[in-house]
Amino acid sequence: MTKPKITVVGSYAVGMTMSTAKFPVSGETVIGYNFKVLHGGKGSNQAVAIARLGGDVSFVACLGDDYYGRNALELYTQENVDASFVRMVKDSYTGVGFVVVNNDGQNIIVLDPGANNMLTPEDVERAEEIIASSTAVLMQLEISPGIVAYTAQLARRYGVQVLLNPAPYQPLPGEVLSKIDILIPNETEARLLAGLPPDDDSPIEEVGMAILAKGVGRVIITLGAEGALLVTGEEIYHIPGKEVDVVDTTGAGDTFSAALTLALAEGKDIKKAMEFAVRAAALAVTKYGVIPALPYRHEVDAV
């Protein structure tokens, strides 16, 4: 079977993580341990996930012309991700996130987008031919909403399906949402997109309908261990989650978005695609880290 062509437009950030017994207060130094440098960035994670699941994927992004940027390119070579449209920015640096986790499992994160802020419409235009030949385009919000809107408009010109994982949350005007065929928020993002507080207790079905009213084609809300909820103009449909031994939930959302996009690109109907994505995300939470936990196709098919 020919691999479906998918383009991911998004971000890369190197994650520097460390554990400590307790967070320091202002002016205090504490001892940390278990320092790791890990690949990250939602766009990058999703591109690698699609490749592992059997897709032919191209990644459009910006990296700093530095050690971490070159390390990211090595990752794409190893994982069979087409990085022809990844631009190395001479006067910037690769995005980085500093993550500190305490003994209670709480974390504090400081993110510097770095070269991710340098992604331009011209970068997307350079990939126009590959976007036009794609079955689907997948994006996130670690890049500017302006780039999301520009890419969506370009993709729709060629009849290419546009999926957006709106994470981390940013306000999106109606003219952007109306260009999205499938929106994939989690529960918190969904409530914010509907104009509600993140801790609002409205039924999630009503939240999905409120987002749909803003012009989105279809909404799929990820529910963690509870699976996912499809909201369309015709129906509301719930896919239950899979019972697994959870080790680390980081990257589960990226895995779901990637698997859903690939399954749709392969021609699966929306419900079968959601079932596939739920299985993939369930596998991703059974291992520590993001890239090490992204499942391969044979693993998902075996569930």
C-alpha atoms as a PDB file:
ATOM      1  CA  MET A   1       0.000   0.000   0.000  1.00  0.00           C
ATOM      2  CA  THR A   2       1.267   3.463  -0.878  1.00  0.00           C
ATOM      3  CA  LYS A   3       2.057   5.537   2.177  1.00  0.00           C
ATOM      4  CA  PRO A   4      -0.238   8.554   2.533  1.00  0.00           C
ATOM      5  CA  LYS A   5       1.539  11.904   2.250  1.00  0.00           C
ATOM      6  CA  ILE A   6       1.172  14.227   5.258  1.00  0.00           C
ATOM      7  CA  THR A   7       2.733  17.622   5.944  1.00  0.00           C
ATOM      8  CA  VAL A   8       3.273  18.817   9.517  1.00  0.00           C
ATOM      9  CA  VAL A   9       3.853  22.529  10.049  1.00  0.00           C
ATOM     10  CA  GLY A  10       5.039  23.283  13.550  1.00  0.00           C
ATOM     11  CA  SER A  11       7.715  23.553  16.183  1.00  0.00           C
ATOM     12  CA  TYR A  12      10.803  21.915  17.611  1.00  0.00           C
ATOM     13  CA  ALA A  13      12.192  22.579  21.072  1.00  0.00           C
ATOM     14  CA  VAL A  14      14.859  20.776  23.013  1.00  0.00           C
ATOM     15  CA  GLY A  15      13.646  19.876  26.498  1.00  0.00           C
ATOM     16  CA  MET A  16      16.060  20.165  29.409  1.00  0.00           C
ATOM     17  CA  THR A  17      14.566  18.401  32.410  1.00  0.00           C
ATOM     18  CA  MET A  18      15.706  17.995  35.989  1.00  0.00           C
ATOM     19  CA  SER A  19      14.195  16.598  39.173  1.00  0.00           C
ATOM     20  CA  THR A  20      14.478  18.121  42.636  1.00  0.00           C
ATOM     21  CA  ALA A  21      12.987  17.408  46.049  1.00  0.00           C
ATOM     22  CA  LYS A  22      11.356  20.847  46.249  1.00  0.00           C
ATOM     23  CA  PHE A  23      11.160  23.982  44.164  1.00  0.00           C
ATOM     24  CA  PRO A  24      13.484  26.804  45.247  1.00  0.00           C
ATOM     25  CA  VAL A  25      12.109  30.088  46.501  1.00  0.00           C
ATOM     26  CA  SER A  26      13.507  33.374  45.212  1.00  0.00           C
ATOM     27  CA  GLY A  27      17.251  33.539  45.879  1.00  0.00           C
ATOM     28  CA  GLU A  28      17.518  29.879  46.982  1.00  0.00           C
ATOM     29  CA  THR A  29      19.649  27.196  45.338  1.00  0.00           C
ATOM     30  CA  VAL A  30      18.546  23.572  45.639  1.00  0.00           C
ATOM     31  CA  ILE A  31      20.198  20.339  44.528  1.00  0.00           C
ATOM     32  CA  GLY A  32      18.739  18.618  41.479  1.00  0.00           C
ATOM     33  CA  TYR A  33      19.244  15.210  39.906  1.00  0.00           C
ATOM     34  CA  ASN A  34      18.308  13.107  36.870  1.00  0.00           C
ATOM     35  CA  PHE A  35      19.170  15.805  34.295  1.00  0.00           C
ATOM     36  CA  LYS A  36      18.161  14.916  30.741  1.00  0.00           C
ATOM     37  CA  VAL A  37      18.203  16.648  27.366  1.00  0.00           C
ATOM     38  CA  LEU A  38      15.290  15.412  25.243  1.00  0.00           C
ATOM     39  CA  HIS A  39      13.775  16.102  21.843  1.00  0.00           C
ATOM     40  CA  GLY A  40      10.499  18.025  22.041  1.00  0.00           C
ATOM     41  CA  GLY A  41       8.169  20.443  20.336  1.00  0.00           C
ATOM     42  CA  LYS A  42       4.650  19.399  19.419  1.00  0.00           C
ATOM     43  CA  GLY A  43       5.144  19.618  15.659  1.00  0.00           C
ATOM     44  CA  SER A  44       8.323  17.578  15.773  1.00  0.00           C
ATOM     45  CA  ASN A  45       6.767  14.961  18.059  1.00  0.00           C
ATOM     46  CA  GLN A  46       3.791  14.605  15.733  1.00  0.00           C
ATOM     47  CA  ALA A  47       5.953  14.316  12.615  1.00  0.00           C
ATOM     48  CA  VAL A  48       8.035  11.538  14.183  1.00  0.00           C
ATOM     49  CA  ALA A  49       4.885   9.785  15.398  1.00  0.00           C
ATOM     50  CA  ILE A  50       3.379   9.810  11.893  1.00  0.00           C
ATOM     51  CA  ALA A  51       6.582   8.352  10.431  1.00  0.00           C
ATOM     52  CA  ARG A  52       6.667   5.573  13.023  1.00  0.00           C
ATOM     53  CA  LEU A  53       3.026   4.748  12.315  1.00  0.00           C
ATOM     54  CA  GLY A  54       3.721   4.340   8.610  1.00  0.00           C
ATOM     55  CA  GLY A  55       3.125   7.754   7.056  1.00  0.00           C
ATOM     56  CA  ASP A  56       5.209   9.615   4.483  1.00  0.00           C
ATOM     57  CA  VAL A  57       5.687  12.871   6.397  1.00  0.00           C
ATOM     58  CA  SER A  58       7.344  16.208   5.639  1.00  0.00           C
ATOM     59  CA  PHE A  59       8.083  18.710   8.399  1.00  0.00           C
ATOM     60  CA  VAL A  60       8.038  22.492   7.935  1.00  0.00           C
ATOM     61  CA  ALA A  61       9.774  24.320  10.809  1.00  0.00           C
ATOM     62  CA  CYS A  62      12.651  26.584  11.866  1.00  0.00           C
ATOM     63  CA  LEU A  63      15.680  25.547  13.915  1.00  0.00           C
ATOM     64  CA  GLY A  64      18.597  27.536  15.215  1.00  0.00           C
ATOM     65  CA  ASP A  65      21.894  26.955  13.429  1.00  0.00           C
ATOM     66  CA  ASP A  66      23.403  25.416  16.547  1.00  0.00           C
ATOM     67  CA  TYR A  67      24.169  22.076  18.198  1.00  0.00           C
ATOM     68  CA  TYR A  68      20.568  21.417  19.164  1.00  0.00           C
ATOM     69  CA  GLY A  69      19.282  22.247  15.695  1.00  0.00           C
ATOM     70  CA  ARG A  70      21.754  19.880  14.066  1.00  0.00           C
ATOM     71  CA  ASN A  71      20.803  17.222  16.608  1.00  0.00           C
ATOM     72  CA  ALA A  72      17.163  17.603  15.591  1.00  0.00           C
ATOM     73  CA  LEU A  73      18.097  17.065  11.937  1.00  0.00           C
ATOM     74  CA  GLU A  74      19.839  13.832  12.936  1.00  0.00           C
ATOM     75  CA  LEU A  75      16.612  12.731  14.615  1.00  0.00           C
ATOM     76  CA  TYR A  76      14.639  13.303  11.405  1.00  0.00           C
ATOM     77  CA  THR A  77      17.160  11.298   9.401  1.00  0.00           C
ATOM     78  CA  GLN A  78      16.906   8.409  11.871  1.00  0.00           C
ATOM     79  CA  GLU A  79      13.098   8.524  11.934  1.00  0.00           C
ATOM     80  CA  ASN A  80      12.525   8.925   8.164  1.00  0.00           C
ATOM     81  CA  VAL A  81      10.986  12.391   8.473  1.00  0.00           C
ATOM     82  CA  ASP A  82      11.514  14.570   5.387  1.00  0.00           C
ATOM     83  CA  ALA A  83      13.269  17.696   6.718  1.00  0.00           C
ATOM     84  CA  SER A  84      13.753  19.359   3.318  1.00  0.00           C
ATOM     85  CA  PHE A  85      11.584  22.270   4.481  1.00  0.00           C
ATOM     86  CA  VAL A  86      13.208  22.743   7.881  1.00  0.00           C
ATOM     87  CA  ARG A  87      15.106  26.050   7.794  1.00  0.00           C
ATOM     88  CA  MET A  88      18.225  26.639   9.881  1.00  0.00           C
ATOM     89  CA  VAL A  89      18.153  30.261  11.087  1.00  0.00           C
ATOM     90  CA  LYS A  90      21.622  31.807  11.267  1.00  0.00           C
ATOM     91  CA  ASP A  91      20.779  34.645  13.661  1.00  0.00           C
ATOM     92  CA  SER A  92      18.596  32.695  16.079  1.00  0.00           C
ATOM     93  CA  TYR A  93      18.787  29.650  18.340  1.00  0.00           C
ATOM     94  CA  THR A  94      16.806  26.463  18.649  1.00  0.00           C
ATOM     95  CA  GLY A  95      13.729  26.610  20.876  1.00  0.00           C
ATOM     96  CA  VAL A  96      14.284  25.306  24.385  1.00  0.00           C
ATOM     97  CA  GLY A  97      12.156  24.418  27.385  1.00  0.00           C
ATOM     98  CA  PHE A  98      13.479  24.147  30.953  1.00  0.00           C
ATOM     99  CA  VAL A  99      11.415  21.712  33.034  1.00  0.00           C
ATOM    100  CA  VAL A 100      11.891  21.136  36.775  1.00  0.00           C
ATOM    101  CA  VAL A 101       9.861  18.404  38.497  1.00  0.00           C
ATOM    102  CA  ASN A 102       9.518  18.078  42.278  1.00  0.00           C
ATOM    103  CA  ASN A 103       8.885  14.999  44.409  1.00  0.00           C
ATOM    104  CA  ASP A 104       5.117  15.539  44.233  1.00  0.00           C
ATOM    105  CA  GLY A 105       5.200  15.272  40.449  1.00  0.00           C
ATOM    106  CA  GLN A 106       4.477  18.975  39.988  1.00  0.00           C
ATOM    107  CA  ASN A 107       6.492  20.851  37.393  1.00  0.00           C
ATOM    108  CA  ILE A 108       7.513  24.361  36.462  1.00  0.00           C
ATOM    109  CA  ILE A 109       8.332  25.115  32.834  1.00  0.00           C
ATOM    110  CA  VAL A 110      10.027  28.042  31.139  1.00  0.00           C
ATOM    111  CA  LEU A 111       9.867  27.966  27.336  1.00  0.00           C
ATOM    112  CA  ASP A 112      11.853  30.115  24.913  1.00  0.00           C
ATOM    113  CA  PRO A 113      10.477  29.519  21.386  1.00  0.00           C
ATOM    114  CA  GLY A 114      13.703  30.760  19.786  1.00  0.00           C
ATOM    115  CA  ALA A 115      13.762  30.001  16.063  1.00  0.00           C
ATOM    116  CA  ASN A 116      10.127  28.832  16.118  1.00  0.00           C
ATOM    117  CA  ASN A 117       9.209  32.533  16.108  1.00  0.00           C
ATOM    118  CA  MET A 118      11.051  32.919  12.799  1.00  0.00           C
ATOM    119  CA  LEU A 119       8.691  30.680  10.808  1.00  0.00           C
ATOM    120  CA  THR A 120       7.245  32.809   7.988  1.00  0.00           C
ATOM    121  CA  PRO A 121       4.693  32.516   5.168  1.00  0.00           C
ATOM    122  CA  GLU A 122       7.683  32.200   2.827  1.00  0.00           C
ATOM    123  CA  ASP A 123       8.710  29.003   4.646  1.00  0.00           C
ATOM    124  CA  VAL A 124       5.237  27.622   3.989  1.00  0.00           C
ATOM    125  CA  GLU A 125       5.314  28.782   0.358  1.00  0.00           C
ATOM    126  CA  ARG A 126       8.548  26.864  -0.207  1.00  0.00           C
ATOM    127  CA  ALA A 127       6.645  23.739   0.773  1.00  0.00           C
ATOM    128  CA  GLU A 128       3.624  24.559  -1.418  1.00  0.00           C
ATOM    129  CA  GLU A 129       4.226  21.713  -3.853  1.00  0.00           C
ATOM    130  CA  ILE A 130       4.536  19.115  -1.089  1.00  0.00           C
ATOM    131  CA  ILE A 131       1.464  20.521   0.698  1.00  0.00           C
ATOM    132  CA  ALA A 132      -0.510  20.349  -2.552  1.00  0.00           C
ATOM    133  CA  SER A 133       0.424  16.669  -2.942  1.00  0.00           C
ATOM    134  CA  SER A 134      -0.478  15.824   0.677  1.00  0.00           C
ATOM    135  CA  THR A 135      -3.645  14.156   1.874  1.00  0.00           C
ATOM    136  CA  ALA A 136      -3.610  16.145   5.115  1.00  0.00           C
ATOM    137  CA  VAL A 137      -1.824  18.986   6.871  1.00  0.00           C
ATOM    138  CA  LEU A 138      -1.425  18.895  10.658  1.00  0.00           C
ATOM    139  CA  MET A 139      -0.553  21.950  12.794  1.00  0.00           C
ATOM    140  CA  GLN A 140      -0.352  23.066  16.439  1.00  0.00           C
ATOM    141  CA  LEU A 141      -0.144  26.414  18.263  1.00  0.00           C
ATOM    142  CA  GLU A 142       3.547  26.550  19.161  1.00  0.00           C
ATOM    143  CA  ILE A 143       3.720  28.619  15.975  1.00  0.00           C
ATOM    144  CA  SER A 144       1.817  31.859  15.351  1.00  0.00           C
ATOM    145  CA  PRO A 145      -1.908  31.751  14.543  1.00  0.00           C
ATOM    146  CA  GLY A 146      -1.062  33.832  11.487  1.00  0.00           C
ATOM    147  CA  ILE A 147       1.048  30.997  10.065  1.00  0.00           C
ATOM    148  CA  VAL A 148      -1.723  28.522  10.918  1.00  0.00           C
ATOM    149  CA  ALA A 149      -4.255  30.627   8.994  1.00  0.00           C
ATOM    150  CA  TYR A 150      -1.905  31.101   6.018  1.00  0.00           C
ATOM    151  CA  THR A 151      -1.105  27.375   5.810  1.00  0.00           C
ATOM    152  CA  ALA A 152      -4.751  26.369   6.159  1.00  0.00           C
ATOM    153  CA  GLN A 153      -5.763  28.691   3.355  1.00  0.00           C
ATOM    154  CA  LEU A 154      -3.004  27.332   1.106  1.00  0.00           C
ATOM    155  CA  ALA A 155      -3.905  23.709   1.868  1.00  0.00           C
ATOM    156  CA  ARG A 156      -7.604  24.242   1.203  1.00  0.00           C
ATOM    157  CA  ARG A 157      -6.772  25.774  -2.170  1.00  0.00           C
ATOM    158  CA  TYR A 158      -5.593  22.277  -3.157  1.00  0.00           C
ATOM    159  CA  GLY A 159      -8.386  20.397  -1.394  1.00  0.00           C
ATOM    160  CA  VAL A 160      -6.068  19.164   1.366  1.00  0.00           C
ATOM    161  CA  GLN A 161      -7.661  18.341   4.726  1.00  0.00           C
ATOM    162  CA  VAL A 162      -6.500  20.649   7.568  1.00  0.00           C
ATOM    163  CA  LEU A 163      -6.212  19.441  11.165  1.00  0.00           C
ATOM    164  CA  LEU A 164      -5.219  21.641  14.106  1.00  0.00           C
ATOM    165  CA  ASN A 165      -4.205  20.568  17.593  1.00  0.00           C
ATOM    166  CA  PRO A 166      -4.770  23.929  19.402  1.00  0.00           C
ATOM    167  CA  ALA A 167      -2.054  23.477  22.005  1.00  0.00           C
ATOM    168  CA  PRO A 168      -0.842  25.373  23.846  1.00  0.00           C
ATOM    169  CA  TYR A 169      -4.022  27.446  23.880  1.00  0.00           C
ATOM    170  CA  GLN A 170      -4.034  30.746  22.038  1.00  0.00           C
ATOM    171  CA  PRO A 171      -7.141  32.764  21.150  1.00  0.00           C
ATOM    172  CA  LEU A 172      -8.185  32.000  17.580  1.00  0.00           C
ATOM    173  CA  PRO A 173     -10.424  34.344  15.563  1.00  0.00           C
ATOM    174  CA  GLY A 174     -13.368  32.926  13.657  1.00  0.00           C
ATOM    175  CA  GLU A 175     -11.653  33.459  10.305  1.00  0.00           C
ATOM    176  CA  VAL A 176      -8.933  31.002  11.408  1.00  0.00           C
ATOM    177  CA  LEU A 177     -11.300  28.436  12.916  1.00  0.00           C
ATOM    178  CA  SER A 178     -13.450  28.462   9.777  1.00  0.00           C
ATOM    179  CA  LYS A 179     -10.446  27.184   7.783  1.00  0.00           C
ATOM    180  CA  ILE A 180      -9.972  24.141  10.034  1.00  0.00           C
ATOM    181  CA  ASP A 181     -11.579  20.853   8.978  1.00  0.00           C
ATOM    182  CA  ILE A 182     -10.882  19.014  12.247  1.00  0.00           C
ATOM    183  CA  LEU A 183      -9.946  20.669  15.548  1.00  0.00           C
ATOM    184  CA  ILE A 184      -8.347  18.418  18.206  1.00  0.00           C
ATOM    185  CA  PRO A 185      -8.311  20.155  21.632  1.00  0.00           C
ATOM    186  CA  ASN A 186      -8.138  18.573  25.065  1.00  0.00           C
ATOM    187  CA  GLU A 187     -10.850  19.403  27.604  1.00  0.00           C
ATOM    188  CA  THR A 188      -9.146  22.525  28.973  1.00  0.00           C
ATOM    189  CA  GLU A 189      -8.335  23.892  25.525  1.00  0.00           C
ATOM    190  CA  ALA A 190     -11.883  23.157  24.386  1.00  0.00           C
ATOM    191  CA  ARG A 191     -13.407  25.194  27.211  1.00  0.00           C
ATOM    192  CA  LEU A 192     -11.086  28.117  26.537  1.00  0.00           C
ATOM    193  CA  LEU A 193     -11.861  28.004  22.809  1.00  0.00           C
ATOM    194  CA  ALA A 194     -15.568  28.059  23.656  1.00  0.00           C
ATOM    195  CA  GLY A 195     -15.014  31.250  25.681  1.00  0.00           C
ATOM    196  CA  LEU A 196     -15.386  29.504  29.049  1.00  0.00           C
ATOM    197  CA  PRO A 197     -13.103  29.377  32.113  1.00  0.00           C
ATOM    198  CA  PRO A 198     -10.775  26.349  32.073  1.00  0.00           C
ATOM    199  CA  ASP A 199     -12.476  24.917  35.167  1.00  0.00           C
ATOM    200  CA  ASP A 200     -16.023  25.441  33.855  1.00  0.00           C
ATOM    201  CA  ASP A 201     -18.244  22.427  34.559  1.00  0.00           C
ATOM    202  CA  SER A 202     -20.494  22.626  31.503  1.00  0.00           C
ATOM    203  CA  PRO A 203     -21.024  19.203  29.865  1.00  0.00           C
ATOM    204  CA  ILE A 204     -18.213  18.624  27.408  1.00  0.00           C
ATOM    205  CA  GLU A 205     -20.751  17.873  24.664  1.00  0.00           C
ATOM    206  CA  GLU A 206     -22.107  21.423  24.995  1.00  0.00           C
ATOM    207  CA  VAL A 207     -18.560  22.789  24.892  1.00  0.00           C
ATOM    208  CA  GLY A 208     -17.943  20.943  21.637  1.00  0.00           C
ATOM    209  CA  MET A 209     -21.126  22.331  20.120  1.00  0.00           C
ATOM    210  CA  ALA A 210     -20.093  25.859  21.115  1.00  0.00           C
ATOM    211  CA  ILE A 211     -16.780  25.424  19.274  1.00  0.00           C
ATOM    212  CA  LEU A 212     -18.554  23.962  16.260  1.00  0.00           C
ATOM    213  CA  ALA A 213     -20.694  27.096  16.091  1.00  0.00           C
ATOM    214  CA  LYS A 214     -17.525  29.135  15.476  1.00  0.00           C
ATOM    215  CA  GLY A 215     -17.165  27.572  12.025  1.00  0.00           C
ATOM    216  CA  VAL A 216     -14.932  24.529  12.586  1.00  0.00           C
ATOM    217  CA  GLY A 217     -15.763  21.528  10.392  1.00  0.00           C
ATOM    218  CA  ARG A 218     -15.598  18.885  13.141  1.00  0.00           C
ATOM    219  CA  VAL A 219     -14.320  18.828  16.722  1.00  0.00           C
ATOM    220  CA  ILE A 220     -12.612  15.881  18.416  1.00  0.00           C
ATOM    221  CA  ILE A 221     -11.984  16.506  22.129  1.00  0.00           C
ATOM    222  CA  THR A 222      -9.409  14.258  23.792  1.00  0.00           C
ATOM    223  CA  LEU A 223     -10.500  13.091  27.242  1.00  0.00           C
ATOM    224  CA  GLY A 224      -7.366  11.423  28.613  1.00  0.00           C
ATOM    225  CA  ALA A 225      -8.146   8.021  30.085  1.00  0.00           C
ATOM    226  CA  GLU A 226     -11.793   8.476  29.040  1.00  0.00           C
ATOM    227  CA  GLY A 227     -10.962   8.383  25.322  1.00  0.00           C
ATOM    228  CA  ALA A 228     -12.226  11.008  22.886  1.00  0.00           C
ATOM    229  CA  LEU A 229     -15.441  12.749  21.871  1.00  0.00           C
ATOM    230  CA  LEU A 230     -16.492  13.539  18.298  1.00  0.00           C
ATOM    231  CA  VAL A 231     -18.810  16.506  17.784  1.00  0.00           C
ATOM    232  CA  THR A 232     -20.243  17.263  14.343  1.00  0.00           C
ATOM    233  CA  GLY A 233     -23.326  19.003  13.081  1.00  0.00           C
ATOM    234  CA  GLU A 234     -25.035  15.618  12.795  1.00  0.00           C
ATOM    235  CA  GLU A 235     -23.923  13.637  15.851  1.00  0.00           C
ATOM    236  CA  ILE A 236     -21.965  13.354  19.078  1.00  0.00           C
ATOM    237  CA  TYR A 237     -19.971  10.137  19.408  1.00  0.00           C
ATOM    238  CA  HIS A 238     -17.747   8.893  22.261  1.00  0.00           C
ATOM    239  CA  ILE A 239     -14.810   6.512  21.854  1.00  0.00           C
ATOM    240  CA  PRO A 240     -13.848   5.012  25.258  1.00  0.00           C
ATOM    241  CA  GLY A 241     -10.232   4.921  26.402  1.00  0.00           C
ATOM    242  CA  LYS A 242      -8.041   1.851  26.879  1.00  0.00           C
ATOM    243  CA  GLU A 243      -7.051   0.588  30.319  1.00  0.00           C
ATOM    244  CA  VAL A 244      -3.255   0.624  30.573  1.00  0.00           C
ATOM    245  CA  ASP A 245      -0.576   1.035  33.232  1.00  0.00           C
ATOM    246  CA  VAL A 246       0.221   4.737  33.003  1.00  0.00           C
ATOM    247  CA  VAL A 247       3.896   5.712  33.326  1.00  0.00           C
ATOM    248  CA  ASP A 248       4.038   9.174  31.722  1.00  0.00           C
ATOM    249  CA  THR A 249       1.213  11.031  29.958  1.00  0.00           C
ATOM    250  CA  THR A 250       3.553  13.525  28.257  1.00  0.00           C
ATOM    251  CA  GLY A 251       3.135  13.233  24.508  1.00  0.00           C
ATOM    252  CA  ALA A 252      -0.179  11.371  24.563  1.00  0.00           C
ATOM    253  CA  GLY A 253      -1.954  14.274  22.872  1.00  0.00           C
ATOM    254  CA  ASP A 254       0.717  14.498  20.168  1.00  0.00           C
ATOM    255  CA  THR A 255       0.406  10.766  19.533  1.00  0.00           C
ATOM    256  CA  PHE A 256      -3.381  11.001  19.277  1.00  0.00           C
ATOM    257  CA  SER A 257      -3.237  13.889  16.791  1.00  0.00           C
ATOM    258  CA  ALA A 258      -0.615  12.147  14.661  1.00  0.00           C
ATOM    259  CA  ALA A 259      -2.414   8.804  14.625  1.00  0.00           C
ATOM    260  CA  LEU A 260      -5.777  10.406  13.838  1.00  0.00           C
ATOM    261  CA  THR A 261      -4.287  12.363  10.920  1.00  0.00           C
ATOM    262  CA  LEU A 262      -2.583   9.288   9.493  1.00  0.00           C
ATOM    263  CA  ALA A 263      -5.665   7.075   9.815  1.00  0.00           C
ATOM    264  CA  LEU A 264      -7.812   9.652   8.029  1.00  0.00           C
ATOM    265  CA  ALA A 265      -5.159  10.023   5.325  1.00  0.00           C
ATOM    266  CA  GLU A 266      -5.294   6.255   4.835  1.00  0.00           C
ATOM    267  CA  GLY A 267      -9.008   6.518   4.134  1.00  0.00           C
ATOM    268  CA  LYS A 268     -10.448   5.337   7.446  1.00  0.00           C
ATOM    269  CA  ASP A 269     -13.766   6.888   8.439  1.00  0.00           C
ATOM    270  CA  ILE A 270     -13.685   9.330  11.353  1.00  0.00           C
ATOM    271  CA  LYS A 271     -14.775   6.797  14.002  1.00  0.00           C
ATOM    272  CA  LYS A 272     -12.279   4.127  12.933  1.00  0.00           C
ATOM    273  CA  ALA A 273      -9.583   6.816  12.845  1.00  0.00           C
ATOM    274  CA  MET A 274     -10.450   7.855  16.408  1.00  0.00           C
ATOM    275  CA  GLU A 275     -10.278   4.238  17.594  1.00  0.00           C
ATOM    276  CA  PHE A 276      -6.818   3.910  16.044  1.00  0.00           C
ATOM    277  CA  ALA A 277      -5.704   7.176  17.672  1.00  0.00           C
ATOM    278  CA  VAL A 278      -6.992   6.127  21.100  1.00  0.00           C
ATOM    279  CA  ARG A 279      -5.029   2.866  20.856  1.00  0.00           C
ATOM    280  CA  ALA A 280      -1.852   4.705  19.842  1.00  0.00           C
ATOM    281  CA  ALA A 281      -2.190   7.275  22.648  1.00  0.00           C
ATOM    282  CA  ALA A 282      -2.789   4.493  25.191  1.00  0.00           C
ATOM    283  CA  LEU A 283       0.505   2.873  24.196  1.00  0.00           C
ATOM    284  CA  ALA A 284       2.341   6.213  24.433  1.00  0.00           C
ATOM    285  CA  VAL A 285       1.548   6.635  28.145  1.00  0.00           C
ATOM    286  CA  THR A 286       3.074   3.261  29.080  1.00  0.00           C
ATOM    287  CA  LYS A 287       6.665   4.519  28.666  1.00  0.00           C
ATOM    288  CA  TYR A 288       8.661   7.446  30.045  1.00  0.00           C
ATOM    289  CA  GLY A 289       9.455  10.390  27.788  1.00  0.00           C
ATOM    290  CA  VAL A 290       7.953  11.424  24.463  1.00  0.00           C
ATOM    291  CA  ILE A 291      10.120  10.221  21.558  1.00  0.00           C
ATOM    292  CA  PRO A 292      10.975   6.905  23.279  1.00  0.00           C
ATOM    293  CA  ALA A 293       7.259   6.326  23.921  1.00  0.00           C
ATOM    294  CA  LEU A 294       5.913   7.069  20.436  1.00  0.00           C
ATOM    295  CA  PRO A 295       4.542   3.728  19.209  1.00  0.00           C
ATOM    296  CA  TYR A 296       5.273   1.921  15.966  1.00  0.00           C
ATOM    297  CA  ARG A 297       2.535   0.729  13.620  1.00  0.00           C
ATOM    298  CA  HIS A 298       2.867  -2.961  14.442  1.00  0.00           C
ATOM    299  CA  GLU A 299       2.450  -2.160  18.139  1.00  0.00           C
ATOM    300  CA  VAL A 300      -0.793  -0.252  17.590  1.00  0.00           C
ATOM    301  CA  ASP A 301      -2.177  -2.881  15.233  1.00  0.00           C
ATOM    302  CA  ALA A 302      -1.475  -5.535  17.885  1.00  0.00           C
ATOM    303  CA  VAL A 303      -3.583  -3.795  20.561  1.00  0.00           C
END
